[in-house]
Amino acid sequence: MKTWSSTTTPGNRHDPAHPARPLSHRLRAVFIALLIPLLGPATASWSAAPEEGKVRPFRSLTVSPPGPQPVLGERLEFEGRWLIFPVGHGWLEVKELVEINGRQAYHIEAHGYSNDVLSTICPIHDVVHSYLDAETLRPLRFEKYQHEGRYHSEEIVTFDDPAHIATYRSLKHPNDPPKQIPLPAQFQDLISTLYWFRGQPLTPNSTMSLDIYTDEKIYQTAILIGQPMILELLKRGAFPCLMVEPKASFKGLLVRRARIWAYLTADQHRLPLLIKATTPWGPMSAVISEASLDRILKRKKRIRPSAAIHPEGQPS
């Protein structure tokens, strides 16, 4: 079984015979952050291109209670852009129920690929597997595998919830001793965070807090929930949404990487429609595919883009 990563993991040292590519690694880190973790500890604003999304206020929006998460068989597909250029695609899928250490667990798989053009410079195929306890919805096991040009990194993390210990192992350096990281009473990994958040009741203009494990650290993350709005997406429709933005800190210090924010539907599905980031290399974004919307919403929840809504957000 193979898996993914969001930033270089300290335990995965570079092979001197195959040095990593610093620029491609940084681009990959943001690309995968867009396509997979959504609410992870990456910590900007730019005007979206018309084909990516237009937003307008919608003050009268009522946020629906959340549906159950995760949903077996759900597959969310995304198309990634850097500046105005397509750079790749990715998906998350709730594949199956499996047994992990005697516990029933959801197996969630995430992939991120570079497209043919970017692959001529730096081919990317990163994969992540997260296993969530079917009863507590907390992570039991996390695996990530990076394949980026000649750079490769593989790791497995197991979570002992009763003992509050995470055990990290690098598969690239099997002779290295495992590393143990203390865990807080409540936590999520990068993948499980999305499904945890989608299952929460959301209040506009509020803040939620969550501890997130990634890269052998625990990040204290504040998730800012903005005002209701209508998001129009080309060829996809117009959707009542909430904008969410994570702000992470480590040991009390704000993590300043790329700023990432996302638009989630305000219905029971809490679908991440559009994810955006500003980085030192320019804006990046990931938009949900039409096929994903067709499968999950069946187009019944759409609001026609021509629907009249006053500038202040009240329907006509």
C-alpha atoms as a PDB file:
ATOM      1  CA  MET A   1       0.000   0.000   0.000  1.00  0.00           C
ATOM      2  CA  LYS A   2       1.397   3.402  -0.967  1.00  0.00           C
ATOM      3  CA  THR A   3       0.763   6.994   0.245  1.00  0.00           C
ATOM      4  CA  TRP A   4       1.335  10.853   0.208  1.00  0.00           C
ATOM      5  CA  SER A   5       2.875  13.921   2.044  1.00  0.00           C
ATOM      6  CA  SER A   6       2.286  17.662   2.415  1.00  0.00           C
ATOM      7  CA  THR A   7       5.725  18.983   3.378  1.00  0.00           C
ATOM      8  CA  THR A   8       9.138  17.400   3.762  1.00  0.00           C
ATOM      9  CA  THR A   9       9.123  15.131   6.784  1.00  0.00           C
ATOM     10  CA  PRO A  10      12.248  15.482   8.982  1.00  0.00           C
ATOM     11  CA  GLY A  11      12.548  11.709   9.305  1.00  0.00           C
ATOM     12  CA  ASN A  12      12.779  11.257   5.543  1.00  0.00           C
ATOM     13  CA  ARG A  13      16.294  12.451   4.860  1.00  0.00           C
ATOM     14  CA  HIS A  14      17.299  13.148   1.279  1.00  0.00           C
ATOM     15  CA  ASP A  15      19.367  10.501  -0.462  1.00  0.00           C
ATOM     16  CA  PRO A  16      22.690  12.172  -1.401  1.00  0.00           C
ATOM     17  CA  ALA A  17      22.690  10.203  -4.646  1.00  0.00           C
ATOM     18  CA  HIS A  18      19.302  11.669  -5.546  1.00  0.00           C
ATOM     19  CA  PRO A  19      19.062  15.222  -4.210  1.00  0.00           C
ATOM     20  CA  ALA A  20      15.616  16.734  -3.872  1.00  0.00           C
ATOM     21  CA  ARG A  21      14.529  19.594  -6.047  1.00  0.00           C
ATOM     22  CA  PRO A  22      13.782  22.474  -3.668  1.00  0.00           C
ATOM     23  CA  LEU A  23      11.479  24.445  -5.999  1.00  0.00           C
ATOM     24  CA  SER A  24       9.499  21.458  -7.185  1.00  0.00           C
ATOM     25  CA  HIS A  25       9.139  20.286  -3.606  1.00  0.00           C
ATOM     26  CA  ARG A  26       7.695  23.626  -2.527  1.00  0.00           C
ATOM     27  CA  LEU A  27       5.283  23.710  -5.465  1.00  0.00           C
ATOM     28  CA  ARG A  28       4.241  20.162  -4.648  1.00  0.00           C
ATOM     29  CA  ALA A  29       3.683  21.029  -1.018  1.00  0.00           C
ATOM     30  CA  VAL A  30       1.212  23.766  -1.945  1.00  0.00           C
ATOM     31  CA  PHE A  31      -0.360  21.720  -4.756  1.00  0.00           C
ATOM     32  CA  ILE A  32      -1.072  18.791  -2.464  1.00  0.00           C
ATOM     33  CA  ALA A  33      -2.171  21.158   0.310  1.00  0.00           C
ATOM     34  CA  LEU A  34      -4.803  22.449  -2.106  1.00  0.00           C
ATOM     35  CA  LEU A  35      -5.997  19.083  -3.330  1.00  0.00           C
ATOM     36  CA  ILE A  36      -5.968  17.116  -0.118  1.00  0.00           C
ATOM     37  CA  PRO A  37      -5.807  18.579   3.378  1.00  0.00           C
ATOM     38  CA  LEU A  38      -7.945  21.695   2.917  1.00  0.00           C
ATOM     39  CA  LEU A  39      -7.904  22.560   6.637  1.00  0.00           C
ATOM     40  CA  GLY A  40      -4.341  21.545   7.451  1.00  0.00           C
ATOM     41  CA  PRO A  41      -1.740  23.786   9.094  1.00  0.00           C
ATOM     42  CA  ALA A  42      -0.777  25.871   6.090  1.00  0.00           C
ATOM     43  CA  THR A  43      -1.196  29.473   6.810  1.00  0.00           C
ATOM     44  CA  ALA A  44      -3.818  34.804   1.346  1.00  0.00           C
ATOM     45  CA  SER A  45      -6.037  37.005  -0.952  1.00  0.00           C
ATOM     46  CA  TRP A  46      -6.306  37.386  -4.701  1.00  0.00           C
ATOM     47  CA  SER A  47      -9.079  37.929  -7.216  1.00  0.00           C
ATOM     48  CA  ALA A  48     -10.189  34.673  -8.751  1.00  0.00           C
ATOM     49  CA  ALA A  49     -10.193  34.338 -12.521  1.00  0.00           C
ATOM     50  CA  PRO A  50     -13.760  34.421 -13.900  1.00  0.00           C
ATOM     51  CA  GLU A  51     -13.651  30.725 -14.748  1.00  0.00           C
ATOM     52  CA  GLU A  52     -12.685  29.800 -11.201  1.00  0.00           C
ATOM     53  CA  GLY A  53     -15.403  31.427  -9.170  1.00  0.00           C
ATOM     54  CA  LYS A  54     -17.335  34.574  -8.339  1.00  0.00           C
ATOM     55  CA  VAL A  55     -18.711  35.278  -4.884  1.00  0.00           C
ATOM     56  CA  ARG A  56     -21.381  37.615  -3.585  1.00  0.00           C
ATOM     57  CA  PRO A  57     -22.950  38.027  -0.125  1.00  0.00           C
ATOM     58  CA  PHE A  58     -26.041  36.047   0.836  1.00  0.00           C
ATOM     59  CA  ARG A  59     -27.036  37.174   4.323  1.00  0.00           C
ATOM     60  CA  SER A  60     -30.324  35.303   4.474  1.00  0.00           C
ATOM     61  CA  LEU A  61     -28.661  31.903   4.118  1.00  0.00           C
ATOM     62  CA  THR A  62     -29.643  29.199   6.591  1.00  0.00           C
ATOM     63  CA  VAL A  63     -26.890  26.625   7.144  1.00  0.00           C
ATOM     64  CA  SER A  64     -28.247  23.063   7.103  1.00  0.00           C
ATOM     65  CA  PRO A  65     -27.309  20.546   9.821  1.00  0.00           C
ATOM     66  CA  PRO A  66     -24.466  18.276   8.702  1.00  0.00           C
ATOM     67  CA  GLY A  67     -25.017  14.829   7.275  1.00  0.00           C
ATOM     68  CA  PRO A  68     -23.088  11.801   8.529  1.00  0.00           C
ATOM     69  CA  GLN A  69     -19.380  11.656   7.659  1.00  0.00           C
ATOM     70  CA  PRO A  70     -17.558   9.857   6.128  1.00  0.00           C
ATOM     71  CA  VAL A  71     -19.812   8.418   3.411  1.00  0.00           C
ATOM     72  CA  LEU A  72     -18.679   5.089   1.997  1.00  0.00           C
ATOM     73  CA  GLY A  73     -18.005   5.322  -1.730  1.00  0.00           C
ATOM     74  CA  GLU A  74     -17.845   9.123  -1.846  1.00  0.00           C
ATOM     75  CA  ARG A  75     -15.205  10.368  -4.278  1.00  0.00           C
ATOM     76  CA  LEU A  76     -14.250  14.048  -4.535  1.00  0.00           C
ATOM     77  CA  GLU A  77     -12.223  15.001  -7.615  1.00  0.00           C
ATOM     78  CA  PHE A  78     -10.379  18.307  -8.096  1.00  0.00           C
ATOM     79  CA  GLU A  79      -8.639  20.163 -10.894  1.00  0.00           C
ATOM     80  CA  GLY A  80      -5.563  22.185  -9.883  1.00  0.00           C
ATOM     81  CA  ARG A  81      -4.249  25.473 -11.299  1.00  0.00           C
ATOM     82  CA  TRP A  82      -1.181  27.628 -10.768  1.00  0.00           C
ATOM     83  CA  LEU A  83      -1.730  31.230 -11.902  1.00  0.00           C
ATOM     84  CA  ILE A  84      -3.964  30.589 -14.947  1.00  0.00           C
ATOM     85  CA  PHE A  85      -2.341  27.292 -15.939  1.00  0.00           C
ATOM     86  CA  PRO A  86      -3.689  23.794 -15.263  1.00  0.00           C
ATOM     87  CA  VAL A  87      -1.056  21.840 -13.308  1.00  0.00           C
ATOM     88  CA  GLY A  88      -2.718  18.632 -12.198  1.00  0.00           C
ATOM     89  CA  HIS A  89      -5.591  16.863 -10.551  1.00  0.00           C
ATOM     90  CA  GLY A  90      -6.378  14.884  -7.443  1.00  0.00           C
ATOM     91  CA  TRP A  91      -9.097  13.111  -5.538  1.00  0.00           C
ATOM     92  CA  LEU A  92     -10.191  11.823  -2.149  1.00  0.00           C
ATOM     93  CA  GLU A  93     -12.219   8.638  -1.821  1.00  0.00           C
ATOM     94  CA  VAL A  94     -13.817   6.827   1.115  1.00  0.00           C
ATOM     95  CA  LYS A  95     -12.959   3.387  -0.194  1.00  0.00           C
ATOM     96  CA  GLU A  96     -14.048   0.775   2.336  1.00  0.00           C
ATOM     97  CA  LEU A  97     -14.352  -0.430   5.916  1.00  0.00           C
ATOM     98  CA  VAL A  98     -11.342  -2.425   7.095  1.00  0.00           C
ATOM     99  CA  GLU A  99     -10.047  -3.747  10.409  1.00  0.00           C
ATOM    100  CA  ILE A 100      -7.101  -1.994  12.095  1.00  0.00           C
ATOM    101  CA  ASN A 101      -5.859  -3.484  15.379  1.00  0.00           C
ATOM    102  CA  GLY A 102      -9.223  -5.083  16.008  1.00  0.00           C
ATOM    103  CA  ARG A 103     -11.143  -1.857  15.255  1.00  0.00           C
ATOM    104  CA  GLN A 104     -13.423  -1.166  12.299  1.00  0.00           C
ATOM    105  CA  ALA A 105     -11.987   1.738  10.325  1.00  0.00           C
ATOM    106  CA  TYR A 106     -12.846   3.839   7.293  1.00  0.00           C
ATOM    107  CA  HIS A 107     -10.088   3.656   4.680  1.00  0.00           C
ATOM    108  CA  ILE A 108      -9.762   7.046   2.979  1.00  0.00           C
ATOM    109  CA  GLU A 109      -7.382   7.413   0.055  1.00  0.00           C
ATOM    110  CA  ALA A 110      -6.103  10.635  -1.503  1.00  0.00           C
ATOM    111  CA  HIS A 111      -4.096  11.151  -4.701  1.00  0.00           C
ATOM    112  CA  GLY A 112      -2.387  14.147  -6.308  1.00  0.00           C
ATOM    113  CA  TYR A 113      -0.974  14.038  -9.861  1.00  0.00           C
ATOM    114  CA  SER A 114       0.837  16.544 -12.024  1.00  0.00           C
ATOM    115  CA  ASN A 115      -0.511  16.867 -15.565  1.00  0.00           C
ATOM    116  CA  ASP A 116       1.445  15.974 -18.687  1.00  0.00           C
ATOM    117  CA  VAL A 117       2.938  19.456 -19.067  1.00  0.00           C
ATOM    118  CA  LEU A 118       4.175  19.791 -15.474  1.00  0.00           C
ATOM    119  CA  SER A 119       5.326  16.171 -15.531  1.00  0.00           C
ATOM    120  CA  THR A 120       7.897  17.027 -18.201  1.00  0.00           C
ATOM    121  CA  ILE A 121       9.563  19.250 -15.572  1.00  0.00           C
ATOM    122  CA  CYS A 122       8.727  17.415 -12.361  1.00  0.00           C
ATOM    123  CA  PRO A 123       6.437  14.382 -12.440  1.00  0.00           C
ATOM    124  CA  ILE A 124       4.383  14.158  -9.261  1.00  0.00           C
ATOM    125  CA  HIS A 125       2.294  11.312  -7.908  1.00  0.00           C
ATOM    126  CA  ASP A 126       1.622  11.611  -4.197  1.00  0.00           C
ATOM    127  CA  VAL A 127      -0.755   9.315  -2.332  1.00  0.00           C
ATOM    128  CA  VAL A 128      -2.118   9.280   1.216  1.00  0.00           C
ATOM    129  CA  HIS A 129      -4.035   6.670   3.177  1.00  0.00           C
ATOM    130  CA  SER A 130      -5.875   7.582   6.382  1.00  0.00           C
ATOM    131  CA  TYR A 131      -7.735   5.057   8.544  1.00  0.00           C
ATOM    132  CA  LEU A 132     -10.441   6.468  10.842  1.00  0.00           C
ATOM    133  CA  ASP A 133     -11.962   4.586  13.732  1.00  0.00           C
ATOM    134  CA  ALA A 134     -15.547   3.942  12.622  1.00  0.00           C
ATOM    135  CA  GLU A 135     -16.855   4.647  16.145  1.00  0.00           C
ATOM    136  CA  THR A 136     -14.765   7.600  17.355  1.00  0.00           C
ATOM    137  CA  LEU A 137     -13.843   9.010  13.896  1.00  0.00           C
ATOM    138  CA  ARG A 138     -10.307   9.590  15.141  1.00  0.00           C
ATOM    139  CA  PRO A 139      -7.312   8.414  13.101  1.00  0.00           C
ATOM    140  CA  LEU A 140      -5.782   5.000  13.763  1.00  0.00           C
ATOM    141  CA  ARG A 141      -3.147   4.966  11.023  1.00  0.00           C
ATOM    142  CA  PHE A 142      -1.749   7.396   8.468  1.00  0.00           C
ATOM    143  CA  GLU A 143       0.500   6.606   5.495  1.00  0.00           C
ATOM    144  CA  LYS A 144       2.002   8.926   2.908  1.00  0.00           C
ATOM    145  CA  TYR A 145       4.135   8.338  -0.145  1.00  0.00           C
ATOM    146  CA  GLN A 146       5.755  11.034  -2.279  1.00  0.00           C
ATOM    147  CA  HIS A 147       6.961  10.399  -5.807  1.00  0.00           C
ATOM    148  CA  GLU A 148       8.347  13.614  -7.282  1.00  0.00           C
ATOM    149  CA  GLY A 149      10.926  13.211  -9.995  1.00  0.00           C
ATOM    150  CA  ARG A 150      13.834  11.380  -8.368  1.00  0.00           C
ATOM    151  CA  TYR A 151      12.724  12.346  -4.873  1.00  0.00           C
ATOM    152  CA  HIS A 152      10.831   9.707  -2.927  1.00  0.00           C
ATOM    153  CA  SER A 153       9.570   9.681   0.650  1.00  0.00           C
ATOM    154  CA  GLU A 154       7.465   7.110   2.468  1.00  0.00           C
ATOM    155  CA  GLU A 155       6.220   7.014   6.048  1.00  0.00           C
ATOM    156  CA  ILE A 156       3.704   5.329   8.322  1.00  0.00           C
ATOM    157  CA  VAL A 157       2.240   6.784  11.508  1.00  0.00           C
ATOM    158  CA  THR A 158       0.178   4.733  13.951  1.00  0.00           C
ATOM    159  CA  PHE A 159      -1.954   6.402  16.609  1.00  0.00           C
ATOM    160  CA  ASP A 160      -2.460   4.838  20.037  1.00  0.00           C
ATOM    161  CA  ASP A 161      -5.422   6.866  21.217  1.00  0.00           C
ATOM    162  CA  PRO A 162      -5.695   5.413  24.759  1.00  0.00           C
ATOM    163  CA  ALA A 163      -1.961   5.990  25.364  1.00  0.00           C
ATOM    164  CA  HIS A 164      -2.002   9.368  23.553  1.00  0.00           C
ATOM    165  CA  ILE A 165       1.071   8.419  21.501  1.00  0.00           C
ATOM    166  CA  ALA A 166       1.782   8.601  17.749  1.00  0.00           C
ATOM    167  CA  THR A 167       4.557   6.362  16.431  1.00  0.00           C
ATOM    168  CA  TYR A 168       6.319   7.514  13.273  1.00  0.00           C
ATOM    169  CA  ARG A 169       8.390   5.251  10.995  1.00  0.00           C
ATOM    170  CA  SER A 170      10.224   6.168   7.792  1.00  0.00           C
ATOM    171  CA  LEU A 171      10.039   3.359   5.237  1.00  0.00           C
ATOM    172  CA  LYS A 172      12.969   4.891   3.366  1.00  0.00           C
ATOM    173  CA  HIS A 173      15.155   4.437   6.458  1.00  0.00           C
ATOM    174  CA  PRO A 174      13.889   1.237   8.098  1.00  0.00           C
ATOM    175  CA  ASN A 175      16.933   1.004  10.372  1.00  0.00           C
ATOM    176  CA  ASP A 176      16.102   4.305  12.057  1.00  0.00           C
ATOM    177  CA  PRO A 177      14.356   3.857  15.416  1.00  0.00           C
ATOM    178  CA  PRO A 178      10.644   4.776  15.479  1.00  0.00           C
ATOM    179  CA  LYS A 179       9.843   8.229  16.812  1.00  0.00           C
ATOM    180  CA  GLN A 180       7.079   8.758  19.357  1.00  0.00           C
ATOM    181  CA  ILE A 181       5.083  11.974  19.538  1.00  0.00           C
ATOM    182  CA  PRO A 182       2.713  12.817  22.438  1.00  0.00           C
ATOM    183  CA  LEU A 183      -0.883  13.357  21.349  1.00  0.00           C
ATOM    184  CA  PRO A 184      -3.573  15.593  22.854  1.00  0.00           C
ATOM    185  CA  ALA A 185      -6.860  14.092  23.965  1.00  0.00           C
ATOM    186  CA  GLN A 186      -8.611  15.228  20.770  1.00  0.00           C
ATOM    187  CA  PHE A 187      -6.807  15.419  17.428  1.00  0.00           C
ATOM    188  CA  GLN A 188      -7.094  14.662  13.703  1.00  0.00           C
ATOM    189  CA  ASP A 189      -4.645  14.046  10.872  1.00  0.00           C
ATOM    190  CA  LEU A 190      -4.591  16.041   7.634  1.00  0.00           C
ATOM    191  CA  ILE A 191      -7.103  13.812   5.859  1.00  0.00           C
ATOM    192  CA  SER A 192      -9.435  13.089   8.761  1.00  0.00           C
ATOM    193  CA  THR A 193      -9.662  16.821   9.495  1.00  0.00           C
ATOM    194  CA  LEU A 194     -11.755  17.369   6.378  1.00  0.00           C
ATOM    195  CA  TYR A 195     -14.290  14.693   7.302  1.00  0.00           C
ATOM    196  CA  TRP A 196     -14.382  15.786  10.949  1.00  0.00           C
ATOM    197  CA  PHE A 197     -15.074  19.368   9.876  1.00  0.00           C
ATOM    198  CA  ARG A 198     -17.760  18.397   7.366  1.00  0.00           C
ATOM    199  CA  GLY A 199     -19.613  16.607  10.167  1.00  0.00           C
ATOM    200  CA  GLN A 200     -19.737  19.639  12.461  1.00  0.00           C
ATOM    201  CA  PRO A 201     -22.592  22.150  12.892  1.00  0.00           C
ATOM    202  CA  LEU A 202     -21.278  25.416  11.450  1.00  0.00           C
ATOM    203  CA  THR A 203     -22.126  28.949  12.540  1.00  0.00           C
ATOM    204  CA  PRO A 204     -21.255  31.851  10.226  1.00  0.00           C
ATOM    205  CA  ASN A 205     -18.749  34.405  11.540  1.00  0.00           C
ATOM    206  CA  SER A 206     -17.373  32.089  14.213  1.00  0.00           C
ATOM    207  CA  THR A 207     -14.181  30.171  15.009  1.00  0.00           C
ATOM    208  CA  MET A 208     -13.578  26.495  15.752  1.00  0.00           C
ATOM    209  CA  SER A 209     -10.424  24.985  17.260  1.00  0.00           C
ATOM    210  CA  LEU A 210      -8.718  21.701  16.460  1.00  0.00           C
ATOM    211  CA  ASP A 211      -5.358  20.024  17.093  1.00  0.00           C
ATOM    212  CA  ILE A 212      -3.930  18.544  13.872  1.00  0.00           C
ATOM    213  CA  TYR A 213      -1.096  16.035  13.600  1.00  0.00           C
ATOM    214  CA  THR A 214       1.270  16.367  10.639  1.00  0.00           C
ATOM    215  CA  ASP A 215       5.012  16.013  10.075  1.00  0.00           C
ATOM    216  CA  GLU A 216       5.692  14.739  13.592  1.00  0.00           C
ATOM    217  CA  LYS A 217       4.129  17.803  15.211  1.00  0.00           C
ATOM    218  CA  ILE A 218       0.804  18.884  16.684  1.00  0.00           C
ATOM    219  CA  TYR A 219      -0.536  22.153  15.324  1.00  0.00           C
ATOM    220  CA  GLN A 220      -3.132  24.134  17.252  1.00  0.00           C
ATOM    221  CA  THR A 221      -5.457  25.263  14.471  1.00  0.00           C
ATOM    222  CA  ALA A 222      -8.144  27.927  14.541  1.00  0.00           C
ATOM    223  CA  ILE A 223     -10.660  27.471  11.720  1.00  0.00           C
ATOM    224  CA  LEU A 224     -12.331  30.766  10.815  1.00  0.00           C
ATOM    225  CA  ILE A 225     -15.860  30.454   9.402  1.00  0.00           C
ATOM    226  CA  GLY A 226     -16.875  33.477   7.369  1.00  0.00           C
ATOM    227  CA  GLN A 227     -20.157  35.016   6.288  1.00  0.00           C
ATOM    228  CA  PRO A 228     -22.607  33.215   3.994  1.00  0.00           C
ATOM    229  CA  MET A 229     -22.237  33.831   0.274  1.00  0.00           C
ATOM    230  CA  ILE A 230     -23.155  32.571  -3.165  1.00  0.00           C
ATOM    231  CA  LEU A 231     -20.301  31.007  -5.137  1.00  0.00           C
ATOM    232  CA  GLU A 232     -20.701  30.797  -8.919  1.00  0.00           C
ATOM    233  CA  LEU A 233     -18.543  28.228 -10.715  1.00  0.00           C
ATOM    234  CA  LEU A 234     -18.316  27.998 -14.483  1.00  0.00           C
ATOM    235  CA  LYS A 235     -20.193  24.974 -15.876  1.00  0.00           C
ATOM    236  CA  ARG A 236     -21.071  23.902 -12.334  1.00  0.00           C
ATOM    237  CA  GLY A 237     -23.699  26.335 -11.116  1.00  0.00           C
ATOM    238  CA  ALA A 238     -24.172  28.675  -8.155  1.00  0.00           C
ATOM    239  CA  PHE A 239     -24.104  27.386  -4.587  1.00  0.00           C
ATOM    240  CA  PRO A 240     -24.833  28.770  -1.098  1.00  0.00           C
ATOM    241  CA  CYS A 241     -21.478  28.527   0.690  1.00  0.00           C
ATOM    242  CA  LEU A 242     -19.416  29.366   3.726  1.00  0.00           C
ATOM    243  CA  MET A 243     -15.803  30.442   3.412  1.00  0.00           C
ATOM    244  CA  VAL A 244     -13.449  28.737   5.873  1.00  0.00           C
ATOM    245  CA  GLU A 245      -9.810  29.519   6.586  1.00  0.00           C
ATOM    246  CA  PRO A 246      -7.412  27.649   8.903  1.00  0.00           C
ATOM    247  CA  LYS A 247      -4.753  29.477  10.906  1.00  0.00           C
ATOM    248  CA  ALA A 248      -2.272  27.155  12.578  1.00  0.00           C
ATOM    249  CA  SER A 249       0.235  27.690  15.362  1.00  0.00           C
ATOM    250  CA  PHE A 250       2.970  25.504  16.820  1.00  0.00           C
ATOM    251  CA  LYS A 251       3.911  26.011  20.466  1.00  0.00           C
ATOM    252  CA  GLY A 252       2.088  29.326  20.427  1.00  0.00           C
ATOM    253  CA  LEU A 253       3.772  30.690  17.275  1.00  0.00           C
ATOM    254  CA  LEU A 254       1.670  31.360  14.175  1.00  0.00           C
ATOM    255  CA  VAL A 255       2.687  29.202  11.219  1.00  0.00           C
ATOM    256  CA  ARG A 256       3.263  31.483   8.242  1.00  0.00           C
ATOM    257  CA  ARG A 257       3.311  29.458   5.058  1.00  0.00           C
ATOM    258  CA  ALA A 258       0.879  29.916   2.190  1.00  0.00           C
ATOM    259  CA  ARG A 259      -2.542  31.202   3.171  1.00  0.00           C
ATOM    260  CA  ILE A 260      -5.254  28.703   2.243  1.00  0.00           C
ATOM    261  CA  TRP A 261      -9.010  29.164   2.288  1.00  0.00           C
ATOM    262  CA  ALA A 262     -11.951  27.231   0.886  1.00  0.00           C
ATOM    263  CA  TYR A 263     -15.637  27.483   0.031  1.00  0.00           C
ATOM    264  CA  LEU A 264     -17.871  24.704   1.410  1.00  0.00           C
ATOM    265  CA  THR A 265     -21.515  24.208   0.510  1.00  0.00           C
ATOM    266  CA  ALA A 266     -23.920  25.199   3.273  1.00  0.00           C
ATOM    267  CA  ASP A 267     -26.090  22.104   2.784  1.00  0.00           C
ATOM    268  CA  GLN A 268     -25.736  18.783   4.607  1.00  0.00           C
ATOM    269  CA  HIS A 269     -22.949  17.609   2.254  1.00  0.00           C
ATOM    270  CA  ARG A 270     -20.440  20.372   3.196  1.00  0.00           C
ATOM    271  CA  LEU A 271     -18.693  19.868  -0.148  1.00  0.00           C
ATOM    272  CA  PRO A 272     -15.378  21.709  -0.690  1.00  0.00           C
ATOM    273  CA  LEU A 273     -16.132  23.415  -4.005  1.00  0.00           C
ATOM    274  CA  LEU A 274     -13.149  25.721  -4.415  1.00  0.00           C
ATOM    275  CA  ILE A 275      -9.848  25.846  -2.539  1.00  0.00           C
ATOM    276  CA  LYS A 276      -7.467  28.770  -3.021  1.00  0.00           C
ATOM    277  CA  ALA A 277      -4.034  29.787  -1.800  1.00  0.00           C
ATOM    278  CA  THR A 278      -1.532  32.574  -2.203  1.00  0.00           C
ATOM    279  CA  THR A 279       2.113  31.533  -2.261  1.00  0.00           C
ATOM    280  CA  PRO A 280       5.487  33.161  -2.986  1.00  0.00           C
ATOM    281  CA  TRP A 281       5.179  31.660  -6.492  1.00  0.00           C
ATOM    282  CA  GLY A 282       1.738  33.031  -7.261  1.00  0.00           C
ATOM    283  CA  PRO A 283      -1.896  32.044  -6.620  1.00  0.00           C
ATOM    284  CA  MET A 284      -2.975  28.411  -6.744  1.00  0.00           C
ATOM    285  CA  SER A 285      -6.432  26.886  -6.701  1.00  0.00           C
ATOM    286  CA  ALA A 286      -8.334  23.611  -6.899  1.00  0.00           C
ATOM    287  CA  VAL A 287     -11.946  23.363  -8.049  1.00  0.00           C
ATOM    288  CA  ILE A 288     -14.245  20.378  -7.633  1.00  0.00           C
ATOM    289  CA  SER A 289     -15.025  18.477 -10.818  1.00  0.00           C
ATOM    290  CA  GLU A 290     -18.404  18.521 -12.529  1.00  0.00           C
ATOM    291  CA  ALA A 291     -18.519  14.728 -12.269  1.00  0.00           C
ATOM    292  CA  SER A 292     -18.211  14.890  -8.473  1.00  0.00           C
ATOM    293  CA  LEU A 293     -21.126  17.321  -8.239  1.00  0.00           C
ATOM    294  CA  ASP A 294     -23.238  15.201 -10.571  1.00  0.00           C
ATOM    295  CA  ARG A 295     -22.652  12.096  -8.470  1.00  0.00           C
ATOM    296  CA  ILE A 296     -23.230  13.654  -5.051  1.00  0.00           C
ATOM    297  CA  LEU A 297     -25.704  16.500  -5.574  1.00  0.00           C
ATOM    298  CA  LYS A 298     -27.324  15.242  -8.762  1.00  0.00           C
ATOM    299  CA  ARG A 299     -27.722  18.939  -9.552  1.00  0.00           C
ATOM    300  CA  LYS A 300     -30.757  19.201  -7.287  1.00  0.00           C
ATOM    301  CA  LYS A 301     -29.131  21.741  -4.970  1.00  0.00           C
ATOM    302  CA  ARG A 302     -28.054  24.204  -7.640  1.00  0.00           C
ATOM    303  CA  ILE A 303     -29.116  27.837  -7.725  1.00  0.00           C
ATOM    304  CA  ARG A 304     -29.235  29.212 -11.247  1.00  0.00           C
ATOM    305  CA  PRO A 305     -26.494  31.854 -11.770  1.00  0.00           C
ATOM    306  CA  SER A 306     -29.180  34.165 -13.194  1.00  0.00           C
ATOM    307  CA  ALA A 307     -31.166  34.111  -9.944  1.00  0.00           C
ATOM    308  CA  ALA A 308     -31.691  37.674  -8.812  1.00  0.00           C
ATOM    309  CA  ILE A 309     -29.970  38.528  -5.528  1.00  0.00           C
ATOM    310  CA  HIS A 310     -29.661  42.050  -4.211  1.00  0.00           C
ATOM    311  CA  PRO A 311     -26.090  43.380  -3.699  1.00  0.00           C
ATOM    312  CA  GLU A 312     -26.575  43.273   0.044  1.00  0.00           C
ATOM    313  CA  GLY A 313     -27.350  39.584  -0.253  1.00  0.00           C
ATOM    314  CA  GLN A 314     -31.163  39.494   0.051  1.00  0.00           C
ATOM    315  CA  PRO A 315     -33.064  37.521  -2.615  1.00  0.00           C
ATOM    316  CA  SER A 316     -35.402  39.559  -4.784  1.00  0.00           C
END
